[in-house]
Amino acid sequence: MFFKSSYEDREKPSLTLGQYLWERDDDRDFNISVGKKNELKTEIKIHRCVFASRSPVFDRMLETEMKEKAENKLEIIDFNTEIVRIAVEYFYDRKTYKNLNVDQLIDLLQFAEKYDIQDLKVI
């Protein structure tokens, strides 16, 4: 016997887990602070599990007794807000990187290199 649920009748396209989490602002539990020392900082909220899963560097920050784990925050001073935001959106399976110019792609690649984000290096 074959069972058909009302869930199967929905027309809404299914989301990846990353896309689903992107839409859930309320439970983001880690902050990325972007900006140079004397500049106004931009705060980007992210889920710790997403953050740690995308980079072994990020994972080690949260697993060891580093400042980032204690403060629940990473400070980034060597990349601009736009590049960090694009990388974070990539972590959530959003494809905002597709419309970047060459300079932005180079910056994004440098970000991926610094934080060892392997899959971001091959987009």
PDB file of N, CA and C in Angstrom:
ATOM      1  N   MET A   1       0.842  -1.170   0.000  1.00  0.00           N
ATOM      2  CA  MET A   1       0.000   0.000   0.000  1.00  0.00           C
ATOM      3  C   MET A   1       0.894   1.243   0.000  1.00  0.00           C
ATOM      4  N   PHE A   2       0.553   2.215  -0.780  1.00  0.00           N
ATOM      5  CA  PHE A   2       1.310   3.465  -0.889  1.00  0.00           C
ATOM      6  C   PHE A   2       0.570   4.557  -0.131  1.00  0.00           C
ATOM      7  N   PHE A   3       1.303   5.253   0.708  1.00  0.00           N
ATOM      8  CA  PHE A   3       0.716   6.347   1.479  1.00  0.00           C
ATOM      9  C   PHE A   3       1.171   7.669   0.906  1.00  0.00           C
ATOM     10  N   LYS A   4       0.264   8.583   0.809  1.00  0.00           N
ATOM     11  CA  LYS A   4       0.590   9.916   0.317  1.00  0.00           C
ATOM     12  C   LYS A   4       0.197  10.921   1.389  1.00  0.00           C
ATOM     13  N   SER A   5       1.144  11.717   1.785  1.00  0.00           N
ATOM     14  CA  SER A   5       0.850  12.697   2.835  1.00  0.00           C
ATOM     15  C   SER A   5       0.528  14.050   2.221  1.00  0.00           C
ATOM     16  N   SER A   6      -0.081  14.892   3.022  1.00  0.00           N
ATOM     17  CA  SER A   6      -0.366  16.246   2.547  1.00  0.00           C
ATOM     18  C   SER A   6       0.932  17.011   2.321  1.00  0.00           C
ATOM     19  N   TYR A   7       1.995  16.604   3.005  1.00  0.00           N
ATOM     20  CA  TYR A   7       3.301  17.238   2.822  1.00  0.00           C
ATOM     21  C   TYR A   7       3.750  17.123   1.363  1.00  0.00           C
ATOM     22  N   GLU A   8       3.463  15.988   0.742  1.00  0.00           N
ATOM     23  CA  GLU A   8       3.867  15.769  -0.643  1.00  0.00           C
ATOM     24  C   GLU A   8       3.091  16.641  -1.620  1.00  0.00           C
ATOM     25  N   ASP A   9       1.936  17.108  -1.217  1.00  0.00           N
ATOM     26  CA  ASP A   9       1.103  17.924  -2.092  1.00  0.00           C
ATOM     27  C   ASP A   9       1.529  19.388  -2.137  1.00  0.00           C
ATOM     28  N   ARG A  10       2.417  19.775  -1.260  1.00  0.00           N
ATOM     29  CA  ARG A  10       2.825  21.179  -1.214  1.00  0.00           C
ATOM     30  C   ARG A  10       3.567  21.565  -2.483  1.00  0.00           C
ATOM     31  N   GLU A  11       3.379  22.800  -2.907  1.00  0.00           N
ATOM     32  CA  GLU A  11       4.051  23.281  -4.104  1.00  0.00           C
ATOM     33  C   GLU A  11       5.329  24.039  -3.782  1.00  0.00           C
ATOM     34  N   LYS A  12       5.551  24.337  -2.522  1.00  0.00           N
ATOM     35  CA  LYS A  12       6.736  25.075  -2.120  1.00  0.00           C
ATOM     36  C   LYS A  12       7.975  24.218  -2.390  1.00  0.00           C
ATOM     37  N   PRO A  13       8.972  24.780  -3.079  1.00  0.00           N
ATOM     38  CA  PRO A  13      10.178  23.993  -3.326  1.00  0.00           C
ATOM     39  C   PRO A  13      10.898  23.713  -2.011  1.00  0.00           C
ATOM     40  N   SER A  14      11.516  22.555  -1.934  1.00  0.00           N
ATOM     41  CA  SER A  14      12.207  22.213  -0.697  1.00  0.00           C
ATOM     42  C   SER A  14      13.479  23.044  -0.563  1.00  0.00           C
ATOM     43  N   LEU A  15      13.834  23.335   0.665  1.00  0.00           N
ATOM     44  CA  LEU A  15      15.017  24.129   0.967  1.00  0.00           C
ATOM     45  C   LEU A  15      16.133  23.220   1.440  1.00  0.00           C
ATOM     46  N   THR A  16      17.358  23.639   1.190  1.00  0.00           N
ATOM     47  CA  THR A  16      18.469  22.938   1.812  1.00  0.00           C
ATOM     48  C   THR A  16      18.462  23.311   3.290  1.00  0.00           C
ATOM     49  N   LEU A  17      19.192  22.577   4.094  1.00  0.00           N
ATOM     50  CA  LEU A  17      19.283  22.904   5.509  1.00  0.00           C
ATOM     51  C   LEU A  17      19.856  24.306   5.695  1.00  0.00           C
ATOM     52  N   GLY A  18      20.864  24.644   4.906  1.00  0.00           N
ATOM     53  CA  GLY A  18      21.452  25.978   4.994  1.00  0.00           C
ATOM     54  C   GLY A  18      20.446  27.066   4.687  1.00  0.00           C
ATOM     55  N   GLN A  19      19.662  26.877   3.643  1.00  0.00           N
ATOM     56  CA  GLN A  19      18.651  27.873   3.283  1.00  0.00           C
ATOM     57  C   GLN A  19      17.592  27.998   4.377  1.00  0.00           C
ATOM     58  N   TYR A  20      17.218  26.874   4.956  1.00  0.00           N
ATOM     59  CA  TYR A  20      16.242  26.890   6.044  1.00  0.00           C
ATOM     60  C   TYR A  20      16.786  27.672   7.239  1.00  0.00           C
ATOM     61  N   LEU A  21      18.030  27.393   7.619  1.00  0.00           N
ATOM     62  CA  LEU A  21      18.630  28.087   8.758  1.00  0.00           C
ATOM     63  C   LEU A  21      18.818  29.574   8.474  1.00  0.00           C
ATOM     64  N   TRP A  22      19.115  29.926   7.221  1.00  0.00           N
ATOM     65  CA  TRP A  22      19.279  31.336   6.853  1.00  0.00           C
ATOM     66  C   TRP A  22      18.026  32.136   7.220  1.00  0.00           C
ATOM     67  N   GLU A  23      16.884  31.536   7.024  1.00  0.00           N
ATOM     68  CA  GLU A  23      15.620  32.209   7.297  1.00  0.00           C
ATOM     69  C   GLU A  23      15.304  32.303   8.788  1.00  0.00           C
ATOM     70  N   ARG A  24      16.071  31.623   9.615  1.00  0.00           N
ATOM     71  CA  ARG A  24      15.822  31.596  11.063  1.00  0.00           C
ATOM     72  C   ARG A  24      16.809  32.510  11.789  1.00  0.00           C
ATOM     73  N   ASP A  25      16.506  33.774  11.806  1.00  0.00           N
ATOM     74  CA  ASP A  25      17.359  34.758  12.481  1.00  0.00           C
ATOM     75  C   ASP A  25      17.351  34.610  13.994  1.00  0.00           C
ATOM     76  N   ASP A  26      16.262  34.123  14.528  1.00  0.00           N
ATOM     77  CA  ASP A  26      16.063  34.149  15.971  1.00  0.00           C
ATOM     78  C   ASP A  26      17.030  33.277  16.767  1.00  0.00           C
ATOM     79  N   ASP A  27      17.614  32.262  16.179  1.00  0.00           N
ATOM     80  CA  ASP A  27      18.487  31.393  16.963  1.00  0.00           C
ATOM     81  C   ASP A  27      19.947  31.405  16.501  1.00  0.00           C
ATOM     82  N   ARG A  28      20.355  32.473  15.868  1.00  0.00           N
ATOM     83  CA  ARG A  28      21.774  32.619  15.522  1.00  0.00           C
ATOM     84  C   ARG A  28      22.524  32.945  16.808  1.00  0.00           C
ATOM     85  N   ASP A  29      23.565  32.182  17.088  1.00  0.00           N
ATOM     86  CA  ASP A  29      24.188  32.251  18.400  1.00  0.00           C
ATOM     87  C   ASP A  29      25.681  32.580  18.388  1.00  0.00           C
ATOM     88  N   PHE A  30      26.177  33.138  17.294  1.00  0.00           N
ATOM     89  CA  PHE A  30      27.583  33.524  17.205  1.00  0.00           C
ATOM     90  C   PHE A  30      27.662  34.818  16.402  1.00  0.00           C
ATOM     91  N   ASN A  31      28.610  35.685  16.763  1.00  0.00           N
ATOM     92  CA  ASN A  31      28.766  36.969  16.078  1.00  0.00           C
ATOM     93  C   ASN A  31      30.104  37.053  15.366  1.00  0.00           C
ATOM     94  N   ILE A  32      30.078  37.615  14.185  1.00  0.00           N
ATOM     95  CA  ILE A  32      31.298  37.977  13.472  1.00  0.00           C
ATOM     96  C   ILE A  32      31.303  39.498  13.414  1.00  0.00           C
ATOM     97  N   SER A  33      32.341  40.090  13.957  1.00  0.00           N
ATOM     98  CA  SER A  33      32.487  41.544  13.979  1.00  0.00           C
ATOM     99  C   SER A  33      33.504  41.924  12.908  1.00  0.00           C
ATOM    100  N   VAL A  34      33.084  42.752  11.958  1.00  0.00           N
ATOM    101  CA  VAL A  34      33.939  43.097  10.820  1.00  0.00           C
ATOM    102  C   VAL A  34      34.242  44.586  10.840  1.00  0.00           C
ATOM    103  N   GLY A  35      35.526  44.914  10.721  1.00  0.00           N
ATOM    104  CA  GLY A  35      35.938  46.311  10.649  1.00  0.00           C
ATOM    105  C   GLY A  35      37.293  46.520  11.298  1.00  0.00           C
ATOM    106  N   LYS A  36      37.997  47.516  10.823  1.00  0.00           N
ATOM    107  CA  LYS A  36      39.307  47.839  11.383  1.00  0.00           C
ATOM    108  C   LYS A  36      39.140  48.434  12.777  1.00  0.00           C
ATOM    109  N   LYS A  37      40.242  48.500  13.522  1.00  0.00           N
ATOM    110  CA  LYS A  37      40.191  48.915  14.927  1.00  0.00           C
ATOM    111  C   LYS A  37      39.469  50.228  15.170  1.00  0.00           C
ATOM    112  N   ASN A  38      39.751  51.248  14.403  1.00  0.00           N
ATOM    113  CA  ASN A  38      39.168  52.567  14.654  1.00  0.00           C
ATOM    114  C   ASN A  38      37.919  52.846  13.823  1.00  0.00           C
ATOM    115  N   GLU A  39      37.387  51.830  13.187  1.00  0.00           N
ATOM    116  CA  GLU A  39      36.187  51.988  12.370  1.00  0.00           C
ATOM    117  C   GLU A  39      34.968  51.448  13.108  1.00  0.00           C
ATOM    118  N   LEU A  40      33.816  51.879  12.640  1.00  0.00           N
ATOM    119  CA  LEU A  40      32.570  51.315  13.139  1.00  0.00           C
ATOM    120  C   LEU A  40      32.499  49.859  12.689  1.00  0.00           C
ATOM    121  N   LYS A  41      32.191  48.969  13.591  1.00  0.00           N
ATOM    122  CA  LYS A  41      32.135  47.538  13.292  1.00  0.00           C
ATOM    123  C   LYS A  41      30.742  47.146  12.797  1.00  0.00           C
ATOM    124  N   THR A  42      30.723  46.176  11.907  1.00  0.00           N
ATOM    125  CA  THR A  42      29.471  45.569  11.462  1.00  0.00           C
ATOM    126  C   THR A  42      29.374  44.201  12.111  1.00  0.00           C
ATOM    127  N   GLU A  43      28.244  43.911  12.713  1.00  0.00           N
ATOM    128  CA  GLU A  43      28.027  42.614  13.355  1.00  0.00           C
ATOM    129  C   GLU A  43      27.203  41.722  12.429  1.00  0.00           C
ATOM    130  N   ILE A  44      27.702  40.520  12.208  1.00  0.00           N
ATOM    131  CA  ILE A  44      26.987  39.527  11.408  1.00  0.00           C
ATOM    132  C   ILE A  44      26.712  38.338  12.316  1.00  0.00           C
ATOM    133  N   LYS A  45      25.449  38.007  12.485  1.00  0.00           N
ATOM    134  CA  LYS A  45      25.079  36.877  13.339  1.00  0.00           C
ATOM    135  C   LYS A  45      24.999  35.612  12.483  1.00  0.00           C
ATOM    136  N   ILE A  46      25.457  34.510  13.088  1.00  0.00           N
ATOM    137  CA  ILE A  46      25.512  33.232  12.383  1.00  0.00           C
ATOM    138  C   ILE A  46      25.259  32.109  13.393  1.00  0.00           C
ATOM    139  N   HIS A  47      24.829  30.975  12.912  1.00  0.00           N
ATOM    140  CA  HIS A  47      24.670  29.799  13.769  1.00  0.00           C
ATOM    141  C   HIS A  47      26.049  29.171  14.002  1.00  0.00           C
ATOM    142  N   ARG A  48      26.372  28.889  15.251  1.00  0.00           N
ATOM    143  CA  ARG A  48      27.670  28.271  15.572  1.00  0.00           C
ATOM    144  C   ARG A  48      27.891  26.993  14.767  1.00  0.00           C
ATOM    145  N   CYS A  49      26.859  26.178  14.652  1.00  0.00           N
ATOM    146  CA  CYS A  49      27.012  24.898  13.955  1.00  0.00           C
ATOM    147  C   CYS A  49      27.333  25.107  12.476  1.00  0.00           C
ATOM    148  N   VAL A  50      26.732  26.101  11.853  1.00  0.00           N
ATOM    149  CA  VAL A  50      27.027  26.409  10.449  1.00  0.00           C
ATOM    150  C   VAL A  50      28.450  26.937  10.337  1.00  0.00           C
ATOM    151  N   PHE A  51      28.802  27.857  11.218  1.00  0.00           N
ATOM    152  CA  PHE A  51      30.131  28.464  11.247  1.00  0.00           C
ATOM    153  C   PHE A  51      31.212  27.389  11.375  1.00  0.00           C
ATOM    154  N   ALA A  52      31.074  26.503  12.336  1.00  0.00           N
ATOM    155  CA  ALA A  52      32.082  25.468  12.584  1.00  0.00           C
ATOM    156  C   ALA A  52      32.131  24.428  11.469  1.00  0.00           C
ATOM    157  N   SER A  53      31.004  24.157  10.849  1.00  0.00           N
ATOM    158  CA  SER A  53      30.963  23.094   9.838  1.00  0.00           C
ATOM    159  C   SER A  53      31.624  23.480   8.520  1.00  0.00           C
ATOM    160  N   ARG A  54      31.814  24.768   8.266  1.00  0.00           N
ATOM    161  CA  ARG A  54      32.313  25.197   6.968  1.00  0.00           C
ATOM    162  C   ARG A  54      33.820  25.361   6.904  1.00  0.00           C
ATOM    163  N   SER A  55      34.492  25.293   8.041  1.00  0.00           N
ATOM    164  CA  SER A  55      35.928  25.538   8.051  1.00  0.00           C
ATOM    165  C   SER A  55      36.579  24.842   9.239  1.00  0.00           C
ATOM    166  N   PRO A  56      37.661  24.090   9.008  1.00  0.00           N
ATOM    167  CA  PRO A  56      38.369  23.498  10.147  1.00  0.00           C
ATOM    168  C   PRO A  56      38.979  24.561  11.060  1.00  0.00           C
ATOM    169  N   VAL A  57      39.300  25.718  10.500  1.00  0.00           N
ATOM    170  CA  VAL A  57      39.833  26.815  11.312  1.00  0.00           C
ATOM    171  C   VAL A  57      38.749  27.311  12.268  1.00  0.00           C
ATOM    172  N   PHE A  58      37.558  27.555  11.752  1.00  0.00           N
ATOM    173  CA  PHE A  58      36.452  27.994  12.601  1.00  0.00           C
ATOM    174  C   PHE A  58      36.113  26.924  13.640  1.00  0.00           C
ATOM    175  N   ASP A  59      36.122  25.670  13.220  1.00  0.00           N
ATOM    176  CA  ASP A  59      35.807  24.574  14.131  1.00  0.00           C
ATOM    177  C   ASP A  59      36.789  24.545  15.301  1.00  0.00           C
ATOM    178  N   ARG A  60      38.087  24.686  15.014  1.00  0.00           N
ATOM    179  CA  ARG A  60      39.094  24.696  16.086  1.00  0.00           C
ATOM    180  C   ARG A  60      38.904  25.888  17.021  1.00  0.00           C
ATOM    181  N   MET A  61      38.517  27.035  16.474  1.00  0.00           N
ATOM    182  CA  MET A  61      38.272  28.212  17.320  1.00  0.00           C
ATOM    183  C   MET A  61      37.221  27.911  18.381  1.00  0.00           C
ATOM    184  N   LEU A  62      36.225  27.146  18.000  1.00  0.00           N
ATOM    185  CA  LEU A  62      35.109  26.883  18.904  1.00  0.00           C
ATOM    186  C   LEU A  62      35.303  25.641  19.763  1.00  0.00           C
ATOM    187  N   GLU A  63      36.267  24.812  19.420  1.00  0.00           N
ATOM    188  CA  GLU A  63      36.511  23.593  20.183  1.00  0.00           C
ATOM    189  C   GLU A  63      37.631  23.750  21.204  1.00  0.00           C
ATOM    190  N   THR A  64      38.506  24.696  20.997  1.00  0.00           N
ATOM    191  CA  THR A  64      39.627  24.896  21.911  1.00  0.00           C
ATOM    192  C   THR A  64      39.363  26.128  22.770  1.00  0.00           C
ATOM    193  N   GLU A  65      40.227  26.362  23.706  1.00  0.00           N
ATOM    194  CA  GLU A  65      40.043  27.494  24.627  1.00  0.00           C
ATOM    195  C   GLU A  65      40.580  28.784  24.023  1.00  0.00           C
ATOM    196  N   MET A  66      40.060  29.145  22.901  1.00  0.00           N
ATOM    197  CA  MET A  66      40.458  30.380  22.248  1.00  0.00           C
ATOM    198  C   MET A  66      39.499  31.504  22.630  1.00  0.00           C
ATOM    199  N   LYS A  67      39.933  32.724  22.393  1.00  0.00           N
ATOM    200  CA  LYS A  67      39.142  33.917  22.705  1.00  0.00           C
ATOM    201  C   LYS A  67      37.768  33.861  22.035  1.00  0.00           C
ATOM    202  N   GLU A  68      37.719  33.377  20.802  1.00  0.00           N
ATOM    203  CA  GLU A  68      36.460  33.337  20.047  1.00  0.00           C
ATOM    204  C   GLU A  68      35.415  32.469  20.748  1.00  0.00           C
ATOM    205  N   LYS A  69      35.858  31.362  21.317  1.00  0.00           N
ATOM    206  CA  LYS A  69      34.920  30.493  22.027  1.00  0.00           C
ATOM    207  C   LYS A  69      34.410  31.181  23.292  1.00  0.00           C
ATOM    208  N   ALA A  70      35.311  31.789  24.040  1.00  0.00           N
ATOM    209  CA  ALA A  70      34.932  32.442  25.297  1.00  0.00           C
ATOM    210  C   ALA A  70      33.997  33.631  25.067  1.00  0.00           C
ATOM    211  N   GLU A  71      34.275  34.420  24.030  1.00  0.00           N
ATOM    212  CA  GLU A  71      33.485  35.626  23.767  1.00  0.00           C
ATOM    213  C   GLU A  71      32.307  35.387  22.830  1.00  0.00           C
ATOM    214  N   ASN A  72      32.274  34.192  22.230  1.00  0.00           N
ATOM    215  CA  ASN A  72      31.224  33.869  21.260  1.00  0.00           C
ATOM    216  C   ASN A  72      31.228  34.858  20.101  1.00  0.00           C
ATOM    217  N   LYS A  73      32.448  35.255  19.709  1.00  0.00           N
ATOM    218  CA  LYS A  73      32.581  36.274  18.666  1.00  0.00           C
ATOM    219  C   LYS A  73      33.941  36.139  17.987  1.00  0.00           C
ATOM    220  N   LEU A  74      33.945  36.364  16.676  1.00  0.00           N
ATOM    221  CA  LEU A  74      35.171  36.435  15.885  1.00  0.00           C
ATOM    222  C   LEU A  74      35.295  37.850  15.361  1.00  0.00           C
ATOM    223  N   GLU A  75      36.473  38.441  15.529  1.00  0.00           N
ATOM    224  CA  GLU A  75      36.726  39.768  14.977  1.00  0.00           C
ATOM    225  C   GLU A  75      37.556  39.618  13.711  1.00  0.00           C
ATOM    226  N   ILE A  76      37.083  40.205  12.628  1.00  0.00           N
ATOM    227  CA  ILE A  76      37.788  40.177  11.347  1.00  0.00           C
ATOM    228  C   ILE A  76      38.116  41.610  10.971  1.00  0.00           C
ATOM    229  N   ILE A  77      39.418  41.891  10.827  1.00  0.00           N
ATOM    230  CA  ILE A  77      39.843  43.256  10.494  1.00  0.00           C
ATOM    231  C   ILE A  77      40.503  43.346   9.121  1.00  0.00           C
ATOM    232  N   ASP A  78      40.762  42.210   8.496  1.00  0.00           N
ATOM    233  CA  ASP A  78      41.509  42.226   7.233  1.00  0.00           C
ATOM    234  C   ASP A  78      40.670  41.957   5.986  1.00  0.00           C
ATOM    235  N   PHE A  79      39.358  41.879   6.135  1.00  0.00           N
ATOM    236  CA  PHE A  79      38.448  41.743   4.998  1.00  0.00           C
ATOM    237  C   PHE A  79      37.293  42.707   5.203  1.00  0.00           C
ATOM    238  N   ASN A  80      36.751  43.205   4.095  1.00  0.00           N
ATOM    239  CA  ASN A  80      35.638  44.144   4.247  1.00  0.00           C
ATOM    240  C   ASN A  80      34.326  43.401   4.515  1.00  0.00           C
ATOM    241  N   THR A  81      33.367  44.146   4.979  1.00  0.00           N
ATOM    242  CA  THR A  81      32.072  43.582   5.373  1.00  0.00           C
ATOM    243  C   THR A  81      31.398  42.841   4.225  1.00  0.00           C
ATOM    244  N   GLU A  82      31.474  43.392   3.038  1.00  0.00           N
ATOM    245  CA  GLU A  82      30.810  42.766   1.888  1.00  0.00           C
ATOM    246  C   GLU A  82      31.340  41.353   1.637  1.00  0.00           C
ATOM    247  N   ILE A  83      32.647  41.175   1.680  1.00  0.00           N
ATOM    248  CA  ILE A  83      33.247  39.859   1.428  1.00  0.00           C
ATOM    249  C   ILE A  83      32.866  38.876   2.530  1.00  0.00           C
ATOM    250  N   VAL A  84      32.914  39.310   3.776  1.00  0.00           N
ATOM    251  CA  VAL A  84      32.543  38.424   4.885  1.00  0.00           C
ATOM    252  C   VAL A  84      31.068  38.051   4.781  1.00  0.00           C
ATOM    253  N   ARG A  85      30.224  39.002   4.462  1.00  0.00           N
ATOM    254  CA  ARG A  85      28.788  38.726   4.327  1.00  0.00           C
ATOM    255  C   ARG A  85      28.534  37.727   3.179  1.00  0.00           C
ATOM    256  N   ILE A  86      29.229  37.876   2.072  1.00  0.00           N
ATOM    257  CA  ILE A  86      29.069  36.941   0.947  1.00  0.00           C
ATOM    258  C   ILE A  86      29.510  35.539   1.357  1.00  0.00           C
ATOM    259  N   ALA A  87      30.621  35.450   2.094  1.00  0.00           N
ATOM    260  CA  ALA A  87      31.088  34.147   2.576  1.00  0.00           C
ATOM    261  C   ALA A  87      30.060  33.522   3.517  1.00  0.00           C
ATOM    262  N   VAL A  88      29.527  34.307   4.432  1.00  0.00           N
ATOM    263  CA  VAL A  88      28.516  33.796   5.363  1.00  0.00           C
ATOM    264  C   VAL A  88      27.283  33.326   4.594  1.00  0.00           C
ATOM    265  N   GLU A  89      26.852  34.079   3.620  1.00  0.00           N
ATOM    266  CA  GLU A  89      25.706  33.654   2.816  1.00  0.00           C
ATOM    267  C   GLU A  89      26.020  32.354   2.073  1.00  0.00           C
ATOM    268  N   TYR A  90      27.245  32.205   1.618  1.00  0.00           N
ATOM    269  CA  TYR A  90      27.655  30.954   0.976  1.00  0.00           C
ATOM    270  C   TYR A  90      27.537  29.784   1.962  1.00  0.00           C
ATOM    271  N   PHE A  91      27.900  30.022   3.225  1.00  0.00           N
ATOM    272  CA  PHE A  91      27.789  28.971   4.240  1.00  0.00           C
ATOM    273  C   PHE A  91      26.364  28.449   4.346  1.00  0.00           C
ATOM    274  N   TYR A  92      25.402  29.300   4.042  1.00  0.00           N
ATOM    275  CA  TYR A  92      23.986  28.952   4.118  1.00  0.00           C
ATOM    276  C   TYR A  92      23.419  28.553   2.748  1.00  0.00           C
ATOM    277  N   ASP A  93      24.273  28.189   1.825  1.00  0.00           N
ATOM    278  CA  ASP A  93      23.867  27.722   0.492  1.00  0.00           C
ATOM    279  C   ASP A  93      23.206  28.797  -0.357  1.00  0.00           C
ATOM    280  N   ARG A  94      23.501  30.049  -0.049  1.00  0.00           N
ATOM    281  CA  ARG A  94      23.003  31.148  -0.883  1.00  0.00           C
ATOM    282  C   ARG A  94      24.077  31.451  -1.923  1.00  0.00           C
ATOM    283  N   LYS A  95      23.691  31.737  -3.114  1.00  0.00           N
ATOM    284  CA  LYS A  95      24.645  31.876  -4.216  1.00  0.00           C
ATOM    285  C   LYS A  95      24.869  33.336  -4.612  1.00  0.00           C
ATOM    286  N   THR A  96      25.074  34.187  -3.635  1.00  0.00           N
ATOM    287  CA  THR A  96      25.277  35.610  -3.906  1.00  0.00           C
ATOM    288  C   THR A  96      26.633  35.894  -4.540  1.00  0.00           C
ATOM    289  N   TYR A  97      27.524  34.928  -4.514  1.00  0.00           N
ATOM    290  CA  TYR A  97      28.857  35.105  -5.094  1.00  0.00           C
ATOM    291  C   TYR A  97      28.829  35.122  -6.622  1.00  0.00           C
ATOM    292  N   LYS A  98      27.754  34.728  -7.234  1.00  0.00           N
ATOM    293  CA  LYS A  98      27.701  34.610  -8.697  1.00  0.00           C
ATOM    294  C   LYS A  98      27.776  35.939  -9.434  1.00  0.00           C
ATOM    295  N   ASN A  99      27.509  37.041  -8.762  1.00  0.00           N
ATOM    296  CA  ASN A  99      27.505  38.345  -9.425  1.00  0.00           C
ATOM    297  C   ASN A  99      28.690  39.218  -9.030  1.00  0.00           C
ATOM    298  N   LEU A 100      29.766  38.610  -8.582  1.00  0.00           N
ATOM    299  CA  LEU A 100      30.922  39.382  -8.125  1.00  0.00           C
ATOM    300  C   LEU A 100      31.837  39.755  -9.279  1.00  0.00           C
ATOM    301  N   ASN A 101      32.529  40.873  -9.112  1.00  0.00           N
ATOM    302  CA  ASN A 101      33.544  41.239 -10.102  1.00  0.00           C
ATOM    303  C   ASN A 101      34.856  40.531  -9.756  1.00  0.00           C
ATOM    304  N   VAL A 102      35.856  40.683 -10.584  1.00  0.00           N
ATOM    305  CA  VAL A 102      37.119  39.960 -10.417  1.00  0.00           C
ATOM    306  C   VAL A 102      37.786  40.304  -9.084  1.00  0.00           C
ATOM    307  N   ASP A 103      37.821  41.577  -8.722  1.00  0.00           N
ATOM    308  CA  ASP A 103      38.452  41.979  -7.458  1.00  0.00           C
ATOM    309  C   ASP A 103      37.749  41.354  -6.255  1.00  0.00           C
ATOM    310  N   GLN A 104      36.437  41.322  -6.295  1.00  0.00           N
ATOM    311  CA  GLN A 104      35.682  40.714  -5.200  1.00  0.00           C
ATOM    312  C   GLN A 104      35.933  39.204  -5.130  1.00  0.00           C
ATOM    313  N   LEU A 105      36.012  38.563  -6.289  1.00  0.00           N
ATOM    314  CA  LEU A 105      36.301  37.125  -6.308  1.00  0.00           C
ATOM    315  C   LEU A 105      37.679  36.830  -5.734  1.00  0.00           C
ATOM    316  N   ILE A 106      38.642  37.686  -6.033  1.00  0.00           N
ATOM    317  CA  ILE A 106      39.989  37.517  -5.475  1.00  0.00           C
ATOM    318  C   ILE A 106      39.940  37.658  -3.957  1.00  0.00           C
ATOM    319  N   ASP A 107      39.237  38.672  -3.466  1.00  0.00           N
ATOM    320  CA  ASP A 107      39.101  38.855  -2.013  1.00  0.00           C
ATOM    321  C   ASP A 107      38.406  37.660  -1.364  1.00  0.00           C
ATOM    322  N   LEU A 108      37.379  37.145  -2.017  1.00  0.00           N
ATOM    323  CA  LEU A 108      36.661  35.990  -1.488  1.00  0.00           C
ATOM    324  C   LEU A 108      37.563  34.760  -1.458  1.00  0.00           C
ATOM    325  N   LEU A 109      38.369  34.584  -2.485  1.00  0.00           N
ATOM    326  CA  LEU A 109      39.327  33.479  -2.516  1.00  0.00           C
ATOM    327  C   LEU A 109      40.360  33.624  -1.401  1.00  0.00           C
ATOM    328  N   GLN A 110      40.827  34.830  -1.147  1.00  0.00           N
ATOM    329  CA  GLN A 110      41.775  35.064  -0.054  1.00  0.00           C
ATOM    330  C   GLN A 110      41.131  34.748   1.299  1.00  0.00           C
ATOM    331  N   PHE A 111      39.874  35.096   1.462  1.00  0.00           N
ATOM    332  CA  PHE A 111      39.139  34.758   2.682  1.00  0.00           C
ATOM    333  C   PHE A 111      39.072  33.238   2.835  1.00  0.00           C
ATOM    334  N   ALA A 112      38.726  32.553   1.754  1.00  0.00           N
ATOM    335  CA  ALA A 112      38.642  31.091   1.773  1.00  0.00           C
ATOM    336  C   ALA A 112      39.992  30.466   2.090  1.00  0.00           C
ATOM    337  N   GLU A 113      41.043  31.025   1.562  1.00  0.00           N
ATOM    338  CA  GLU A 113      42.393  30.517   1.817  1.00  0.00           C
ATOM    339  C   GLU A 113      42.767  30.708   3.288  1.00  0.00           C
ATOM    340  N   LYS A 114      42.538  31.885   3.817  1.00  0.00           N
ATOM    341  CA  LYS A 114      42.909  32.179   5.209  1.00  0.00           C
ATOM    342  C   LYS A 114      42.200  31.251   6.189  1.00  0.00           C
ATOM    343  N   TYR A 115      40.922  30.992   5.949  1.00  0.00           N
ATOM    344  CA  TYR A 115      40.137  30.195   6.886  1.00  0.00           C
ATOM    345  C   TYR A 115      39.943  28.746   6.424  1.00  0.00           C
ATOM    346  N   ASP A 116      40.677  28.335   5.400  1.00  0.00           N
ATOM    347  CA  ASP A 116      40.685  26.955   4.908  1.00  0.00           C
ATOM    348  C   ASP A 116      39.274  26.450   4.578  1.00  0.00           C
ATOM    349  N   ILE A 117      38.570  27.236   3.796  1.00  0.00           N
ATOM    350  CA  ILE A 117      37.215  26.876   3.360  1.00  0.00           C
ATOM    351  C   ILE A 117      37.353  26.261   1.966  1.00  0.00           C
ATOM    352  N   GLN A 118      37.583  24.965   1.936  1.00  0.00           N
ATOM    353  CA  GLN A 118      37.943  24.275   0.699  1.00  0.00           C
ATOM    354  C   GLN A 118      36.907  24.426  -0.405  1.00  0.00           C
ATOM    355  N   ASP A 119      35.641  24.210  -0.104  1.00  0.00           N
ATOM    356  CA  ASP A 119      34.633  24.249  -1.168  1.00  0.00           C
ATOM    357  C   ASP A 119      34.412  25.652  -1.716  1.00  0.00           C
ATOM    358  N   LEU A 120      34.730  26.670  -0.951  1.00  0.00           N
ATOM    359  CA  LEU A 120      34.608  28.042  -1.448  1.00  0.00           C
ATOM    360  C   LEU A 120      35.734  28.372  -2.426  1.00  0.00           C
ATOM    361  N   LYS A 121      36.820  27.642  -2.351  1.00  0.00           N
ATOM    362  CA  LYS A 121      37.956  27.879  -3.249  1.00  0.00           C
ATOM    363  C   LYS A 121      37.683  27.414  -4.675  1.00  0.00           C
ATOM    364  N   VAL A 122      36.694  26.583  -4.863  1.00  0.00           N
ATOM    365  CA  VAL A 122      36.463  25.993  -6.190  1.00  0.00           C
ATOM    366  C   VAL A 122      35.162  26.443  -6.845  1.00  0.00           C
ATOM    367  N   ILE A 123      34.554  27.509  -6.335  1.00  0.00           N
ATOM    368  CA  ILE A 123      33.295  27.956  -6.940  1.00  0.00           C
ATOM    369  C   ILE A 123      33.545  28.633  -8.268  1.00  0.00           C
TER     370      ILE A 123
END
